[in-house]
Amino acid sequence: MGSFSDARGVLFDLDGTLLDTQRLILVSFRHAVETVLGRSIPDELLMAKVGQPLTVQMWDFTDDQEVHDELLAVYRDYNARVHDDLIRIFPGVPELIADLRGRGLSLGVVTSKRHEAALRGLATFGLDGAFDLLIGSDDCATHKPDPGPVLQGCGLLGLRPGECVYVGDSPFDLQAGHGAGCPTAAALWGMFPEEVLLAEEPEVVCRDVGELRRCLL
């Protein structure tokens, strides 16, 4: 296990990295495709592109703009209704954020979720004021795996990419981090198999939040 003890900032993905939203996302997808398309789609296909903006993911299930927009609307409505009952936080995350803060690191969240929805998730666990910035899919013209959002985060923190670790659980996170020039940490407790993340050659692979903490502190 490597170390990022000389880092000056940390940018985090949200879903699957800080917050356990796998069940919330999956049931929302199931509801949307069954309601709009009238059929079931295997879970592995529903979840294949988690980590990219929802509007991008929905094109996997239709090539019709009206159907795409209806899928999006039905998903978002259902997701908002069941959000607080199904969302969880990964063990050790609040303590990790507090420790990083105590060490004086700059912290941010860079997610493919819309800003308002991401803020709601953080607020559910009292973390809405814990970060110096939050970049959602509606805050940047480009989206992961493009490095644009991560570069924007580094810029807003006033750090060079090499000084800022990007932590994520999807290949799209690691691709964006590497593209930006950031060292990356793969979160194996998230939604993607280990072999998928290892193929992106992250600088550090962490099996739980405790391992990540030891890399950063």
C-alpha atoms as a PDB file:
ATOM      1  CA  MET A   1       0.000   0.000   0.000  1.00  0.00           C
ATOM      2  CA  GLY A   2       1.421   3.370  -1.030  1.00  0.00           C
ATOM      3  CA  SER A   3       1.164   6.707   0.699  1.00  0.00           C
ATOM      4  CA  PHE A   4      -0.125  10.173  -0.139  1.00  0.00           C
ATOM      5  CA  SER A   5       1.181  11.735   3.066  1.00  0.00           C
ATOM      6  CA  ASP A   6       2.590  14.734   1.162  1.00  0.00           C
ATOM      7  CA  ALA A   7      -0.735  15.587  -0.535  1.00  0.00           C
ATOM      8  CA  ARG A   8      -2.177  19.041   0.055  1.00  0.00           C
ATOM      9  CA  GLY A   9      -5.715  18.240  -1.048  1.00  0.00           C
ATOM     10  CA  VAL A  10      -8.116  15.370  -1.663  1.00  0.00           C
ATOM     11  CA  LEU A  11     -10.990  15.238  -4.119  1.00  0.00           C
ATOM     12  CA  PHE A  12     -13.581  12.500  -3.667  1.00  0.00           C
ATOM     13  CA  ASP A  13     -16.144  10.896  -5.884  1.00  0.00           C
ATOM     14  CA  LEU A  14     -19.488  10.623  -4.060  1.00  0.00           C
ATOM     15  CA  ASP A  15     -21.590   7.549  -4.899  1.00  0.00           C
ATOM     16  CA  GLY A  16     -19.767   4.353  -4.003  1.00  0.00           C
ATOM     17  CA  THR A  17     -16.895   6.283  -2.426  1.00  0.00           C
ATOM     18  CA  LEU A  18     -18.290   8.417   0.399  1.00  0.00           C
ATOM     19  CA  LEU A  19     -21.921   7.340   0.285  1.00  0.00           C
ATOM     20  CA  ASP A  20     -23.322   3.836  -0.162  1.00  0.00           C
ATOM     21  CA  THR A  21     -25.981   4.468  -2.789  1.00  0.00           C
ATOM     22  CA  GLN A  22     -25.810   1.183  -4.692  1.00  0.00           C
ATOM     23  CA  ARG A  23     -29.246  -0.020  -3.589  1.00  0.00           C
ATOM     24  CA  LEU A  24     -30.783   3.432  -4.100  1.00  0.00           C
ATOM     25  CA  ILE A  25     -29.435   3.645  -7.658  1.00  0.00           C
ATOM     26  CA  LEU A  26     -30.360   0.083  -8.562  1.00  0.00           C
ATOM     27  CA  VAL A  27     -33.974   0.242  -7.399  1.00  0.00           C
ATOM     28  CA  SER A  28     -34.374   3.623  -9.106  1.00  0.00           C
ATOM     29  CA  PHE A  29     -33.111   2.166 -12.387  1.00  0.00           C
ATOM     30  CA  ARG A  30     -35.369  -0.870 -12.062  1.00  0.00           C
ATOM     31  CA  HIS A  31     -38.389   1.326 -11.410  1.00  0.00           C
ATOM     32  CA  ALA A  32     -37.638   3.634 -14.344  1.00  0.00           C
ATOM     33  CA  VAL A  33     -37.087   0.959 -16.992  1.00  0.00           C
ATOM     34  CA  GLU A  34     -40.027  -1.149 -15.831  1.00  0.00           C
ATOM     35  CA  THR A  35     -42.341   1.873 -15.711  1.00  0.00           C
ATOM     36  CA  VAL A  36     -41.276   3.478 -18.996  1.00  0.00           C
ATOM     37  CA  LEU A  37     -40.123   0.521 -21.095  1.00  0.00           C
ATOM     38  CA  GLY A  38     -42.372  -2.128 -19.590  1.00  0.00           C
ATOM     39  CA  ARG A  39     -39.559  -4.633 -19.242  1.00  0.00           C
ATOM     40  CA  SER A  40     -36.737  -5.689 -16.978  1.00  0.00           C
ATOM     41  CA  ILE A  41     -33.043  -5.206 -17.762  1.00  0.00           C
ATOM     42  CA  PRO A  42     -30.308  -7.231 -15.996  1.00  0.00           C
ATOM     43  CA  ASP A  43     -28.831  -5.433 -13.006  1.00  0.00           C
ATOM     44  CA  GLU A  44     -25.300  -5.571 -14.409  1.00  0.00           C
ATOM     45  CA  LEU A  45     -26.436  -3.607 -17.466  1.00  0.00           C
ATOM     46  CA  LEU A  46     -28.363  -1.098 -15.376  1.00  0.00           C
ATOM     47  CA  MET A  47     -25.265  -0.405 -13.280  1.00  0.00           C
ATOM     48  CA  ALA A  48     -22.611  -0.651 -16.007  1.00  0.00           C
ATOM     49  CA  LYS A  49     -21.996   3.088 -16.332  1.00  0.00           C
ATOM     50  CA  VAL A  50     -22.603   4.291 -12.793  1.00  0.00           C
ATOM     51  CA  GLY A  51     -20.068   7.055 -12.322  1.00  0.00           C
ATOM     52  CA  GLN A  52     -21.097   8.909 -15.467  1.00  0.00           C
ATOM     53  CA  PRO A  53     -23.967  11.435 -15.542  1.00  0.00           C
ATOM     54  CA  LEU A  54     -27.427   9.852 -15.408  1.00  0.00           C
ATOM     55  CA  THR A  55     -28.392  11.477 -18.700  1.00  0.00           C
ATOM     56  CA  VAL A  56     -25.489   9.630 -20.374  1.00  0.00           C
ATOM     57  CA  GLN A  57     -26.447   6.318 -18.780  1.00  0.00           C
ATOM     58  CA  MET A  58     -30.049   6.488 -19.995  1.00  0.00           C
ATOM     59  CA  TRP A  59     -28.943   6.412 -23.631  1.00  0.00           C
ATOM     60  CA  ASP A  60     -27.975   2.773 -23.076  1.00  0.00           C
ATOM     61  CA  PHE A  61     -31.678   1.912 -22.851  1.00  0.00           C
ATOM     62  CA  THR A  62     -33.156   3.921 -25.726  1.00  0.00           C
ATOM     63  CA  ASP A  63     -32.217   5.999 -28.759  1.00  0.00           C
ATOM     64  CA  ASP A  64     -35.429   8.035 -28.634  1.00  0.00           C
ATOM     65  CA  GLN A  65     -35.134  11.502 -27.070  1.00  0.00           C
ATOM     66  CA  GLU A  66     -38.658  11.494 -25.600  1.00  0.00           C
ATOM     67  CA  VAL A  67     -38.218   8.056 -24.060  1.00  0.00           C
ATOM     68  CA  HIS A  68     -34.790   9.090 -22.733  1.00  0.00           C
ATOM     69  CA  ASP A  69     -36.269  12.158 -21.066  1.00  0.00           C
ATOM     70  CA  GLU A  70     -39.128  10.136 -19.575  1.00  0.00           C
ATOM     71  CA  LEU A  71     -36.701   7.575 -18.167  1.00  0.00           C
ATOM     72  CA  LEU A  72     -34.730  10.412 -16.619  1.00  0.00           C
ATOM     73  CA  ALA A  73     -37.808  12.059 -15.100  1.00  0.00           C
ATOM     74  CA  VAL A  74     -39.243   8.819 -13.692  1.00  0.00           C
ATOM     75  CA  TYR A  75     -35.867   7.824 -12.239  1.00  0.00           C
ATOM     76  CA  ARG A  76     -35.321  11.185 -10.573  1.00  0.00           C
ATOM     77  CA  ASP A  77     -38.832  11.370  -9.137  1.00  0.00           C
ATOM     78  CA  TYR A  78     -38.641   7.889  -7.633  1.00  0.00           C
ATOM     79  CA  ASN A  79     -35.069   8.370  -6.440  1.00  0.00           C
ATOM     80  CA  ALA A  80     -36.033  11.550  -4.595  1.00  0.00           C
ATOM     81  CA  ARG A  81     -38.943   9.793  -2.877  1.00  0.00           C
ATOM     82  CA  VAL A  82     -36.950   6.828  -1.563  1.00  0.00           C
ATOM     83  CA  HIS A  83     -33.624   8.651  -1.090  1.00  0.00           C
ATOM     84  CA  ASP A  84     -33.575   9.038   2.676  1.00  0.00           C
ATOM     85  CA  ASP A  85     -34.717   5.464   3.327  1.00  0.00           C
ATOM     86  CA  LEU A  86     -32.096   3.779   1.160  1.00  0.00           C
ATOM     87  CA  ILE A  87     -28.963   5.930   1.325  1.00  0.00           C
ATOM     88  CA  ARG A  88     -26.145   4.954   3.695  1.00  0.00           C
ATOM     89  CA  ILE A  89     -22.689   6.270   4.538  1.00  0.00           C
ATOM     90  CA  PHE A  90     -19.659   4.021   4.472  1.00  0.00           C
ATOM     91  CA  PRO A  91     -18.213   3.256   7.923  1.00  0.00           C
ATOM     92  CA  GLY A  92     -15.359   5.556   8.846  1.00  0.00           C
ATOM     93  CA  VAL A  93     -16.113   8.323   6.327  1.00  0.00           C
ATOM     94  CA  PRO A  94     -17.100  11.057   8.835  1.00  0.00           C
ATOM     95  CA  GLU A  95     -14.025  10.322  10.928  1.00  0.00           C
ATOM     96  CA  LEU A  96     -11.776  10.334   7.849  1.00  0.00           C
ATOM     97  CA  ILE A  97     -13.083  13.726   6.727  1.00  0.00           C
ATOM     98  CA  ALA A  98     -12.637  15.166  10.227  1.00  0.00           C
ATOM     99  CA  ASP A  99      -9.068  13.836  10.433  1.00  0.00           C
ATOM    100  CA  LEU A 100      -8.140  15.237   7.012  1.00  0.00           C
ATOM    101  CA  ARG A 101      -9.633  18.569   7.995  1.00  0.00           C
ATOM    102  CA  GLY A 102      -7.646  18.495  11.219  1.00  0.00           C
ATOM    103  CA  ARG A 103      -4.455  17.980   9.259  1.00  0.00           C
ATOM    104  CA  GLY A 104      -5.230  21.077   7.200  1.00  0.00           C
ATOM    105  CA  LEU A 105      -5.920  19.429   3.843  1.00  0.00           C
ATOM    106  CA  SER A 106      -8.202  21.059   1.309  1.00  0.00           C
ATOM    107  CA  LEU A 107     -11.160  18.798   0.488  1.00  0.00           C
ATOM    108  CA  GLY A 108     -13.700  18.591  -2.308  1.00  0.00           C
ATOM    109  CA  VAL A 109     -16.281  16.356  -3.955  1.00  0.00           C
ATOM    110  CA  VAL A 110     -16.300  15.861  -7.732  1.00  0.00           C
ATOM    111  CA  THR A 111     -19.306  13.803  -8.795  1.00  0.00           C
ATOM    112  CA  SER A 112     -21.330  12.981 -11.895  1.00  0.00           C
ATOM    113  CA  LYS A 113     -24.488  13.526  -9.841  1.00  0.00           C
ATOM    114  CA  ARG A 114     -26.258  16.863 -10.137  1.00  0.00           C
ATOM    115  CA  HIS A 115     -25.162  19.437  -7.557  1.00  0.00           C
ATOM    116  CA  GLU A 116     -28.469  19.636  -5.698  1.00  0.00           C
ATOM    117  CA  ALA A 117     -28.840  15.857  -5.437  1.00  0.00           C
ATOM    118  CA  ALA A 118     -25.234  15.455  -4.291  1.00  0.00           C
ATOM    119  CA  LEU A 119     -25.675  18.131  -1.653  1.00  0.00           C
ATOM    120  CA  ARG A 120     -28.791  16.369  -0.373  1.00  0.00           C
ATOM    121  CA  GLY A 121     -26.832  13.155   0.044  1.00  0.00           C
ATOM    122  CA  LEU A 122     -24.063  14.882   1.985  1.00  0.00           C
ATOM    123  CA  ALA A 123     -26.565  16.790   4.116  1.00  0.00           C
ATOM    124  CA  THR A 124     -28.281  13.542   5.103  1.00  0.00           C
ATOM    125  CA  PHE A 125     -25.152  12.727   7.117  1.00  0.00           C
ATOM    126  CA  GLY A 126     -24.205  16.241   8.180  1.00  0.00           C
ATOM    127  CA  LEU A 127     -21.362  16.520   5.663  1.00  0.00           C
ATOM    128  CA  ASP A 128     -22.763  19.347   3.551  1.00  0.00           C
ATOM    129  CA  GLY A 129     -20.416  21.831   5.237  1.00  0.00           C
ATOM    130  CA  ALA A 130     -17.396  19.556   5.406  1.00  0.00           C
ATOM    131  CA  PHE A 131     -15.908  20.286   1.979  1.00  0.00           C
ATOM    132  CA  ASP A 132     -14.358  23.338   0.363  1.00  0.00           C
ATOM    133  CA  LEU A 133     -16.170  22.639  -2.906  1.00  0.00           C
ATOM    134  CA  LEU A 134     -18.737  20.425  -4.574  1.00  0.00           C
ATOM    135  CA  ILE A 135     -18.684  19.993  -8.342  1.00  0.00           C
ATOM    136  CA  GLY A 136     -21.718  18.251  -9.830  1.00  0.00           C
ATOM    137  CA  SER A 137     -22.533  17.324 -13.402  1.00  0.00           C
ATOM    138  CA  ASP A 138     -24.304  20.668 -13.833  1.00  0.00           C
ATOM    139  CA  ASP A 139     -21.252  22.629 -12.640  1.00  0.00           C
ATOM    140  CA  CYS A 140     -18.867  21.642 -15.442  1.00  0.00           C
ATOM    141  CA  ALA A 141     -19.156  21.501 -19.221  1.00  0.00           C
ATOM    142  CA  THR A 142     -17.418  18.113 -19.377  1.00  0.00           C
ATOM    143  CA  HIS A 143     -17.951  14.944 -17.388  1.00  0.00           C
ATOM    144  CA  LYS A 144     -15.954  11.973 -16.155  1.00  0.00           C
ATOM    145  CA  PRO A 145     -14.082  10.144 -17.624  1.00  0.00           C
ATOM    146  CA  ASP A 146     -13.029  13.500 -19.123  1.00  0.00           C
ATOM    147  CA  PRO A 147     -10.561  15.142 -16.702  1.00  0.00           C
ATOM    148  CA  GLY A 148     -12.364  18.490 -16.834  1.00  0.00           C
ATOM    149  CA  PRO A 149     -14.291  18.267 -13.542  1.00  0.00           C
ATOM    150  CA  VAL A 150     -11.220  17.076 -11.624  1.00  0.00           C
ATOM    151  CA  LEU A 151      -9.083  19.856 -13.110  1.00  0.00           C
ATOM    152  CA  GLN A 152     -11.785  22.336 -12.163  1.00  0.00           C
ATOM    153  CA  GLY A 153     -11.699  21.016  -8.605  1.00  0.00           C
ATOM    154  CA  CYS A 154      -7.927  21.354  -8.371  1.00  0.00           C
ATOM    155  CA  GLY A 155      -8.130  24.886  -9.707  1.00  0.00           C
ATOM    156  CA  LEU A 156     -10.789  25.918  -7.203  1.00  0.00           C
ATOM    157  CA  LEU A 157      -8.695  24.504  -4.374  1.00  0.00           C
ATOM    158  CA  GLY A 158      -5.705  26.460  -5.678  1.00  0.00           C
ATOM    159  CA  LEU A 159      -3.631  23.281  -6.043  1.00  0.00           C
ATOM    160  CA  ARG A 160      -1.653  21.700  -8.836  1.00  0.00           C
ATOM    161  CA  PRO A 161      -3.076  18.318  -9.905  1.00  0.00           C
ATOM    162  CA  GLY A 162       0.017  16.560  -8.612  1.00  0.00           C
ATOM    163  CA  GLU A 163      -0.738  17.901  -5.128  1.00  0.00           C
ATOM    164  CA  CYS A 164      -4.298  16.626  -5.095  1.00  0.00           C
ATOM    165  CA  VAL A 165      -5.387  12.999  -4.747  1.00  0.00           C
ATOM    166  CA  TYR A 166      -8.559  11.855  -6.503  1.00  0.00           C
ATOM    167  CA  VAL A 167     -10.418   9.003  -4.794  1.00  0.00           C
ATOM    168  CA  GLY A 168     -13.093   7.004  -6.615  1.00  0.00           C
ATOM    169  CA  ASP A 169     -14.721   3.614  -7.019  1.00  0.00           C
ATOM    170  CA  SER A 170     -15.296   3.544 -10.789  1.00  0.00           C
ATOM    171  CA  PRO A 171     -12.981   3.262 -13.796  1.00  0.00           C
ATOM    172  CA  PHE A 172     -14.373   6.608 -14.960  1.00  0.00           C
ATOM    173  CA  ASP A 173     -13.115   8.221 -11.741  1.00  0.00           C
ATOM    174  CA  LEU A 174      -9.621   6.824 -12.175  1.00  0.00           C
ATOM    175  CA  GLN A 175      -9.514   7.771 -15.855  1.00  0.00           C
ATOM    176  CA  ALA A 176     -10.544  11.339 -15.014  1.00  0.00           C
ATOM    177  CA  GLY A 177      -8.033  11.580 -12.191  1.00  0.00           C
ATOM    178  CA  HIS A 178      -5.168  10.288 -14.291  1.00  0.00           C
ATOM    179  CA  GLY A 179      -6.181  12.495 -17.203  1.00  0.00           C
ATOM    180  CA  ALA A 180      -6.021  15.510 -14.908  1.00  0.00           C
ATOM    181  CA  GLY A 181      -2.576  14.533 -13.658  1.00  0.00           C
ATOM    182  CA  CYS A 182      -3.680  13.610 -10.141  1.00  0.00           C
ATOM    183  CA  PRO A 183      -2.489  10.591  -8.186  1.00  0.00           C
ATOM    184  CA  THR A 184      -5.482   8.286  -7.760  1.00  0.00           C
ATOM    185  CA  ALA A 185      -6.806   5.940  -5.095  1.00  0.00           C
ATOM    186  CA  ALA A 186      -9.195   3.126  -6.004  1.00  0.00           C
ATOM    187  CA  ALA A 187     -11.979   2.519  -3.484  1.00  0.00           C
ATOM    188  CA  LEU A 188     -12.654  -1.221  -3.603  1.00  0.00           C
ATOM    189  CA  TRP A 189     -15.646  -0.900  -1.262  1.00  0.00           C
ATOM    190  CA  GLY A 190     -17.702   0.714  -4.040  1.00  0.00           C
ATOM    191  CA  MET A 191     -19.698  -0.592  -6.982  1.00  0.00           C
ATOM    192  CA  PHE A 192     -17.072  -1.937  -9.395  1.00  0.00           C
ATOM    193  CA  PRO A 193     -15.078  -5.191  -9.302  1.00  0.00           C
ATOM    194  CA  GLU A 194     -11.467  -5.064  -8.210  1.00  0.00           C
ATOM    195  CA  GLU A 195     -10.148  -6.221 -11.582  1.00  0.00           C
ATOM    196  CA  VAL A 196     -11.933  -3.361 -13.362  1.00  0.00           C
ATOM    197  CA  LEU A 197     -10.235  -0.803 -11.112  1.00  0.00           C
ATOM    198  CA  LEU A 198      -6.829  -2.471 -11.173  1.00  0.00           C
ATOM    199  CA  ALA A 199      -6.877  -2.255 -14.977  1.00  0.00           C
ATOM    200  CA  GLU A 200      -6.768   1.559 -14.606  1.00  0.00           C
ATOM    201  CA  GLU A 201      -3.489   1.320 -12.670  1.00  0.00           C
ATOM    202  CA  PRO A 202      -4.325   3.542  -9.689  1.00  0.00           C
ATOM    203  CA  GLU A 203      -1.405   4.634  -7.540  1.00  0.00           C
ATOM    204  CA  VAL A 204      -3.070   3.134  -4.474  1.00  0.00           C
ATOM    205  CA  VAL A 205      -5.732   0.457  -3.997  1.00  0.00           C
ATOM    206  CA  CYS A 206      -7.709   0.608  -0.744  1.00  0.00           C
ATOM    207  CA  ARG A 207      -9.985  -2.167   0.469  1.00  0.00           C
ATOM    208  CA  ASP A 208     -11.741  -0.050   3.081  1.00  0.00           C
ATOM    209  CA  VAL A 209     -11.876   3.499   4.418  1.00  0.00           C
ATOM    210  CA  GLY A 210      -9.319   2.607   7.088  1.00  0.00           C
ATOM    211  CA  GLU A 211      -6.733   1.757   4.427  1.00  0.00           C
ATOM    212  CA  LEU A 212      -7.436   5.029   2.661  1.00  0.00           C
ATOM    213  CA  ARG A 213      -6.958   6.891   5.928  1.00  0.00           C
ATOM    214  CA  ARG A 214      -3.554   5.287   6.434  1.00  0.00           C
ATOM    215  CA  CYS A 215      -2.528   6.368   2.922  1.00  0.00           C
ATOM    216  CA  LEU A 216      -3.563   9.966   3.461  1.00  0.00           C
ATOM    217  CA  LEU A 217      -2.475  10.649   7.031  1.00  0.00           C
END
